[in-house]
N, C-alpha and C. Protein backbone atom coordinates (compact mmCIF):
# COMPACT_ATOMS: atom_id res chain seq x y z
N MET A 1 4.95 45.01 0.05
CA MET A 1 3.73 44.57 0.33
C MET A 1 3.03 43.93 -0.84
N ALA A 2 2.79 42.44 -0.10
CA ALA A 2 2.23 41.71 -0.97
C ALA A 2 0.85 41.00 -0.64
N LEU A 3 -0.05 40.59 -1.48
CA LEU A 3 -1.31 39.77 -0.93
C LEU A 3 -0.82 38.63 -1.37
N PRO A 4 -1.31 37.37 -0.81
CA PRO A 4 -0.90 35.92 -1.45
C PRO A 4 -1.67 35.71 -2.83
N SER A 5 -2.47 36.66 -3.36
CA SER A 5 -2.85 36.50 -4.71
C SER A 5 -1.94 37.05 -5.59
N GLY A 6 -0.86 37.42 -5.31
CA GLY A 6 0.15 38.10 -5.82
C GLY A 6 0.17 39.63 -6.18
N LYS A 7 -1.12 40.13 -5.87
CA LYS A 7 -0.95 41.67 -5.88
C LYS A 7 -0.16 42.37 -4.85
N ARG A 8 0.76 43.42 -5.60
CA ARG A 8 1.71 44.14 -4.80
C ARG A 8 1.57 45.53 -4.63
N ASN A 9 1.95 46.13 -4.03
CA ASN A 9 2.20 47.70 -3.59
C ASN A 9 3.37 47.66 -2.90
N GLN A 10 4.19 48.97 -3.21
CA GLN A 10 5.23 49.43 -2.57
C GLN A 10 5.07 50.59 -1.87
N LEU A 11 5.09 50.37 -0.46
CA LEU A 11 4.79 51.34 0.50
C LEU A 11 6.00 52.04 0.96
N ALA A 12 5.67 53.23 1.29
CA ALA A 12 6.82 54.22 1.96
C ALA A 12 6.33 54.88 3.28
N ILE A 13 6.94 54.40 4.07
CA ILE A 13 6.82 54.85 5.41
C ILE A 13 7.91 55.29 6.50
N LEU A 14 7.71 56.47 7.46
CA LEU A 14 9.00 56.80 8.08
C LEU A 14 9.42 55.72 8.86
N GLU A 15 10.89 55.65 9.15
CA GLU A 15 11.63 54.54 9.93
C GLU A 15 10.85 54.65 11.52
N SER A 16 10.49 55.92 11.75
CA SER A 16 10.12 56.15 13.11
C SER A 16 8.62 55.50 13.44
N SER A 17 7.90 55.17 12.41
CA SER A 17 6.75 54.60 12.30
C SER A 17 6.30 53.40 13.23
N LYS A 18 5.22 52.88 13.65
CA LYS A 18 5.04 52.05 14.47
C LYS A 18 4.32 50.98 13.60
N VAL A 19 4.25 49.61 13.98
CA VAL A 19 3.65 48.65 13.53
C VAL A 19 2.21 49.03 12.55
N GLY A 20 1.68 49.58 13.82
CA GLY A 20 0.03 50.01 13.51
C GLY A 20 0.01 50.88 12.43
N ASP A 21 0.89 51.82 12.23
CA ASP A 21 0.81 52.71 11.19
C ASP A 21 0.94 51.94 9.89
N LEU A 22 1.75 51.16 9.75
CA LEU A 22 2.15 50.18 8.46
C LEU A 22 1.07 49.53 8.14
N ILE A 23 0.09 48.63 9.27
CA ILE A 23 -1.03 48.00 8.94
C ILE A 23 -2.13 48.91 8.58
N VAL A 24 -2.23 50.23 9.02
CA VAL A 24 -3.34 51.23 8.34
C VAL A 24 -2.90 51.50 7.00
N LEU A 25 -1.64 51.73 6.66
CA LEU A 25 -1.17 52.20 5.36
C LEU A 25 -1.32 51.01 4.42
N ALA A 26 -1.24 49.96 4.65
CA ALA A 26 -1.47 48.55 3.98
C ALA A 26 -2.92 48.74 3.57
N GLN A 27 -3.69 48.62 4.56
CA GLN A 27 -5.25 48.59 4.54
C GLN A 27 -5.64 49.40 3.50
N GLU A 28 -5.40 51.04 3.69
CA GLU A 28 -5.56 52.09 2.57
C GLU A 28 -4.95 51.69 1.27
N SER A 29 -3.89 51.04 1.06
CA SER A 29 -3.28 50.71 -0.17
C SER A 29 -3.99 49.55 -0.75
N PHE A 30 -4.21 48.57 0.10
CA PHE A 30 -5.38 47.46 -0.79
C PHE A 30 -6.75 47.37 -0.67
N GLY A 31 -7.47 48.43 0.26
CA GLY A 31 -8.80 48.46 0.28
C GLY A 31 -9.29 48.32 1.84
N GLN A 32 -10.39 48.81 1.89
CA GLN A 32 -11.06 49.00 3.17
C GLN A 32 -11.58 47.59 3.53
N GLY A 33 -12.12 46.84 2.83
CA GLY A 33 -13.19 45.77 3.27
C GLY A 33 -12.26 44.58 3.92
N PHE A 34 -11.38 44.67 4.11
CA PHE A 34 -10.45 43.70 4.76
C PHE A 34 -9.63 44.24 6.18
N ARG A 35 -9.18 43.30 7.06
CA ARG A 35 -8.54 43.73 8.11
C ARG A 35 -7.17 42.77 7.56
N LEU A 36 -6.03 43.33 7.76
CA LEU A 36 -4.97 42.64 7.25
C LEU A 36 -4.15 42.43 8.27
N ARG A 37 -3.47 40.84 8.20
CA ARG A 37 -2.48 40.50 9.18
C ARG A 37 -1.24 40.77 8.33
N LEU A 38 -0.49 41.26 8.86
CA LEU A 38 1.00 41.41 8.18
C LEU A 38 2.38 40.14 8.78
N VAL A 39 2.97 39.60 7.42
CA VAL A 39 4.04 38.77 7.98
C VAL A 39 5.16 38.87 7.48
N THR A 40 6.16 38.78 7.92
CA THR A 40 7.27 39.36 7.25
C THR A 40 7.67 37.98 6.58
N ALA A 41 9.05 38.15 5.93
CA ALA A 41 9.63 36.89 5.18
C ALA A 41 9.81 35.83 5.83
N GLU A 42 10.18 36.21 7.26
CA GLU A 42 10.58 35.21 8.10
C GLU A 42 9.66 34.46 9.03
N GLY A 43 8.27 34.66 8.52
CA GLY A 43 7.10 34.22 9.19
C GLY A 43 6.70 34.80 10.59
N HIS A 44 7.26 35.90 10.80
CA HIS A 44 6.79 36.56 11.99
C HIS A 44 5.71 37.49 11.94
N VAL A 45 4.43 37.41 12.60
CA VAL A 45 3.23 38.02 12.75
C VAL A 45 3.54 39.36 13.20
N LEU A 46 3.26 40.58 12.57
CA LEU A 46 3.37 41.81 13.06
C LEU A 46 1.94 42.36 13.73
N SER A 47 2.10 41.87 15.01
CA SER A 47 0.79 42.11 15.78
C SER A 47 0.83 43.16 16.72
N ASP A 48 1.81 43.46 17.40
CA ASP A 48 2.01 44.53 18.27
C ASP A 48 2.12 46.05 17.80
N HIS A 49 0.61 46.48 17.62
CA HIS A 49 0.42 47.87 16.91
C HIS A 49 1.27 48.92 17.37
N VAL A 50 1.91 48.88 18.75
CA VAL A 50 2.46 50.07 19.23
C VAL A 50 4.35 49.72 19.33
N LYS A 51 4.41 48.68 18.70
CA LYS A 51 5.92 48.58 18.53
C LYS A 51 6.50 49.16 17.42
N SER A 52 7.65 49.96 17.55
CA SER A 52 8.24 50.54 16.23
C SER A 52 8.77 49.67 15.26
N LEU A 53 8.46 50.04 13.98
CA LEU A 53 9.00 49.27 13.04
C LEU A 53 10.58 48.63 13.30
N GLN A 54 11.32 49.48 13.69
CA GLN A 54 12.67 49.15 14.06
C GLN A 54 12.79 48.01 15.24
N ALA A 55 11.72 48.13 16.04
CA ALA A 55 11.99 47.16 17.23
C ALA A 55 11.48 45.77 16.53
N ALA A 56 10.30 46.02 15.62
CA ALA A 56 9.98 44.93 15.16
C ALA A 56 10.81 43.99 13.91
N GLY A 57 11.98 44.67 13.96
CA GLY A 57 13.02 44.03 12.89
C GLY A 57 12.72 44.37 11.14
N ILE A 58 11.72 45.43 11.12
CA ILE A 58 11.51 45.76 9.90
C ILE A 58 12.59 46.73 9.21
N GLU A 59 13.19 46.53 7.96
CA GLU A 59 14.10 47.08 7.41
C GLU A 59 13.78 47.73 6.07
N ASP A 60 14.32 48.61 5.59
CA ASP A 60 14.00 49.08 4.13
C ASP A 60 14.15 48.02 3.35
N GLY A 61 13.28 47.84 2.41
CA GLY A 61 13.18 46.71 1.26
C GLY A 61 12.81 45.53 1.70
N ASP A 62 12.28 45.28 2.91
CA ASP A 62 11.90 44.03 3.41
C ASP A 62 10.31 43.60 2.75
N ASN A 63 10.44 42.62 2.37
CA ASN A 63 9.26 42.11 1.78
C ASN A 63 7.92 41.47 2.86
N ILE A 64 6.78 42.03 2.99
CA ILE A 64 5.92 41.68 3.84
C ILE A 64 4.73 41.35 3.20
N THR A 65 4.11 40.15 3.49
CA THR A 65 2.70 39.41 3.07
C THR A 65 1.70 39.99 3.70
N ALA A 66 0.70 40.50 3.34
CA ALA A 66 -0.55 40.84 3.94
C ALA A 66 -1.43 39.85 3.61
N PHE A 67 -2.30 39.38 4.75
CA PHE A 67 -3.01 38.24 4.54
C PHE A 67 -4.51 39.03 5.15
N ALA A 68 -5.33 38.79 4.09
CA ALA A 68 -6.70 39.67 4.40
C ALA A 68 -7.60 38.71 5.18
N GLN A 69 -8.29 39.22 6.09
CA GLN A 69 -9.17 38.60 7.10
C GLN A 69 -10.62 39.44 6.71
N GLN A 70 -11.67 38.78 6.41
CA GLN A 70 -13.02 39.42 6.15
C GLN A 70 -13.54 39.85 7.47
N LYS A 71 -13.88 41.04 7.49
CA LYS A 71 -14.56 41.58 8.68
C LYS A 71 -15.89 40.94 8.82
N VAL A 72 -16.45 40.32 9.84
CA VAL A 72 -17.62 39.87 10.12
C VAL A 72 -18.38 41.09 10.79
N GLN A 73 -19.55 41.27 10.38
CA GLN A 73 -20.26 42.47 11.06
C GLN A 73 -21.74 41.91 11.51
N LEU A 74 -22.38 42.88 12.35
CA LEU A 74 -23.48 42.44 13.27
C LEU A 74 -24.58 43.63 13.30
N ALA A 75 -25.56 43.59 12.79
CA ALA A 75 -26.70 44.64 12.82
C ALA A 75 -27.84 44.23 13.60
N SER A 76 -28.61 45.06 14.23
CA SER A 76 -30.14 44.61 14.88
C SER A 76 -31.00 45.67 14.58
N THR A 77 -32.13 45.06 14.60
CA THR A 77 -33.23 45.69 14.74
C THR A 77 -34.00 45.71 15.92
N GLY A 78 -35.21 46.22 16.29
CA GLY A 78 -35.93 45.93 17.36
C GLY A 78 -36.07 44.32 17.72
N GLY A 79 -36.09 43.66 16.79
CA GLY A 79 -36.50 41.98 16.69
C GLY A 79 -35.81 41.18 16.18
N ALA A 80 -34.70 41.56 15.36
CA ALA A 80 -33.94 40.62 14.60
C ALA A 80 -32.69 41.03 14.53
N PHE A 81 -31.54 39.90 14.03
CA PHE A 81 -30.20 40.39 13.87
C PHE A 81 -29.72 39.87 12.29
N ALA A 82 -28.98 40.54 11.76
CA ALA A 82 -28.25 40.43 10.50
C ALA A 82 -26.57 40.20 10.67
N LEU A 83 -26.18 39.38 10.18
CA LEU A 83 -24.71 38.91 10.16
C LEU A 83 -24.16 38.56 8.70
N TRP A 84 -23.23 39.54 8.39
CA TRP A 84 -22.47 39.39 6.97
C TRP A 84 -20.92 39.50 6.98
N ARG A 85 -20.38 39.04 5.94
CA ARG A 85 -18.81 39.63 5.82
C ARG A 85 -18.72 40.50 4.89
N CYS A 86 -18.05 41.51 5.15
CA CYS A 86 -17.90 42.48 4.03
C CYS A 86 -17.43 42.24 2.85
N GLY A 87 -18.37 42.44 1.61
CA GLY A 87 -17.90 42.01 0.24
C GLY A 87 -18.41 40.92 0.03
N GLY A 88 -19.01 40.26 0.96
CA GLY A 88 -19.41 38.79 0.63
C GLY A 88 -20.92 38.91 0.14
N ASP A 89 -21.37 37.68 -0.23
CA ASP A 89 -22.68 37.55 -1.11
C ASP A 89 -24.02 36.71 -0.14
N THR A 90 -23.54 36.77 1.39
CA THR A 90 -24.46 36.16 1.94
C THR A 90 -25.02 37.06 3.15
N VAL A 91 -26.09 37.27 3.48
CA VAL A 91 -26.57 37.70 4.69
C VAL A 91 -27.27 36.99 5.37
N VAL A 92 -27.00 36.66 6.71
CA VAL A 92 -27.56 35.71 7.34
C VAL A 92 -28.50 36.50 8.44
N THR A 93 -29.80 36.33 8.55
CA THR A 93 -30.61 36.98 9.44
C THR A 93 -31.50 35.90 10.26
N TRP A 94 -31.72 36.21 11.63
CA TRP A 94 -32.73 35.76 12.47
C TRP A 94 -33.59 36.31 13.28
N GLY A 95 -34.54 35.97 13.92
CA GLY A 95 -35.43 36.70 14.57
C GLY A 95 -36.83 36.84 14.16
N ALA A 96 -37.27 38.02 14.69
CA ALA A 96 -38.89 38.22 14.26
C ALA A 96 -38.78 38.56 12.51
N GLN A 97 -39.87 37.58 12.02
CA GLN A 97 -39.90 37.97 10.60
C GLN A 97 -40.12 39.60 10.07
N ASP A 98 -41.25 40.16 10.88
CA ASP A 98 -41.66 41.42 10.66
C ASP A 98 -40.90 42.38 11.02
N SER A 99 -39.60 42.04 11.91
CA SER A 99 -38.42 42.94 12.08
C SER A 99 -37.13 42.86 11.13
N GLY A 100 -37.39 42.04 10.17
CA GLY A 100 -36.36 41.81 9.33
C GLY A 100 -35.69 40.56 9.45
N GLY A 101 -36.01 39.71 10.14
CA GLY A 101 -35.57 38.31 10.47
C GLY A 101 -35.49 37.55 9.29
N ASP A 102 -36.10 37.59 8.16
CA ASP A 102 -36.17 36.72 7.09
C ASP A 102 -35.81 37.45 5.66
N VAL A 103 -34.61 37.30 5.01
CA VAL A 103 -34.47 37.90 3.95
C VAL A 103 -34.28 37.10 2.94
N SER A 104 -34.87 35.71 3.08
CA SER A 104 -35.07 34.89 1.81
C SER A 104 -35.64 35.37 0.41
N ALA A 105 -36.53 36.14 0.50
CA ALA A 105 -37.00 36.78 -0.64
C ALA A 105 -36.09 37.47 -1.37
N VAL A 106 -35.01 38.15 -0.94
CA VAL A 106 -34.03 39.07 -1.66
C VAL A 106 -32.56 38.65 -1.57
N GLN A 107 -32.44 37.32 -1.14
CA GLN A 107 -31.00 36.94 -0.86
C GLN A 107 -30.20 36.71 -1.78
N ASP A 108 -30.94 36.49 -3.13
CA ASP A 108 -30.05 36.46 -4.58
C ASP A 108 -29.92 37.62 -4.88
N GLN A 109 -30.27 38.83 -4.50
CA GLN A 109 -29.75 40.08 -4.92
C GLN A 109 -28.68 40.66 -3.87
N LEU A 110 -28.49 39.89 -2.78
CA LEU A 110 -27.24 40.42 -1.79
C LEU A 110 -25.98 40.01 -2.51
N ARG A 111 -25.45 40.73 -3.24
CA ARG A 111 -24.08 40.29 -3.87
C ARG A 111 -23.21 41.64 -3.42
N SER A 112 -21.90 41.16 -3.01
CA SER A 112 -21.03 41.96 -2.74
C SER A 112 -21.21 43.20 -1.69
N VAL A 113 -22.08 42.80 -0.58
CA VAL A 113 -22.42 43.56 0.53
C VAL A 113 -21.23 44.17 1.11
N GLN A 114 -21.59 45.35 1.16
CA GLN A 114 -20.32 46.38 1.99
C GLN A 114 -20.61 46.68 3.37
N GLN A 115 -22.08 46.93 3.51
CA GLN A 115 -22.72 47.32 5.03
C GLN A 115 -24.16 46.99 5.01
N VAL A 116 -24.55 46.66 6.30
CA VAL A 116 -26.09 46.56 6.39
C VAL A 116 -26.45 47.79 7.48
N GLN A 117 -27.38 48.40 7.20
CA GLN A 117 -28.02 49.21 8.06
C GLN A 117 -29.45 48.80 8.82
N ALA A 118 -29.50 49.03 9.88
CA ALA A 118 -30.70 48.61 10.44
C ALA A 118 -31.59 49.61 11.21
N SER A 119 -32.82 49.67 10.91
CA SER A 119 -33.77 50.58 11.63
C SER A 119 -34.53 49.51 12.56
N GLN A 120 -35.48 50.29 13.12
CA GLN A 120 -36.35 49.62 14.16
C GLN A 120 -36.90 48.34 13.81
N MET A 121 -37.56 48.18 12.38
CA MET A 121 -38.26 47.27 11.93
C MET A 121 -37.68 46.39 10.54
N ALA A 122 -36.52 47.05 10.10
CA ALA A 122 -36.09 46.30 8.80
C ALA A 122 -34.39 46.72 8.78
N PHE A 123 -33.92 45.96 7.78
CA PHE A 123 -32.54 46.04 7.44
C PHE A 123 -32.30 46.41 5.89
N ALA A 124 -31.31 47.44 5.48
CA ALA A 124 -31.08 47.98 4.08
C ALA A 124 -29.58 47.44 3.66
N ALA A 125 -29.31 46.95 2.86
CA ALA A 125 -27.85 46.52 2.44
C ALA A 125 -27.36 47.47 1.48
N GLY A 126 -25.95 47.82 1.93
CA GLY A 126 -25.15 48.85 0.70
C GLY A 126 -24.28 47.54 0.00
N ILE A 127 -24.54 47.65 -1.41
CA ILE A 127 -23.52 46.63 -1.93
C ILE A 127 -23.04 47.32 -3.15
N SER A 128 -21.63 47.01 -3.47
CA SER A 128 -20.89 47.29 -4.57
C SER A 128 -21.40 47.15 -5.84
N LEU A 129 -21.41 47.74 -7.09
CA LEU A 129 -21.93 47.57 -8.31
C LEU A 129 -20.46 47.17 -9.11
């Protein structure tokens, strides 16, 4: 399994496994911040999660590329919304300013955001250091 960046991991999985099992194993191997789309060397996208690896044409030793797709997430307070991509450096907010709708004062501190938690009136961001 390889990412387009060149990072590679060799994964071992039972022949009786499903495509979804391989996707989960790849996500665990490369990290949880991204949803992965797996593509065979022939260019076939492995999208049917319940299809067996054998039915998908996957054989021992096949090279598969994992394309990372950032997860976009949304949180809401009583009067505002926050939107961000996991691991990204931008949190977009809108809505009532007194409910967290304006993060301009702290935007430069929002680096490598992993999650945003909402309360009734505010947002809190969890970041990677």
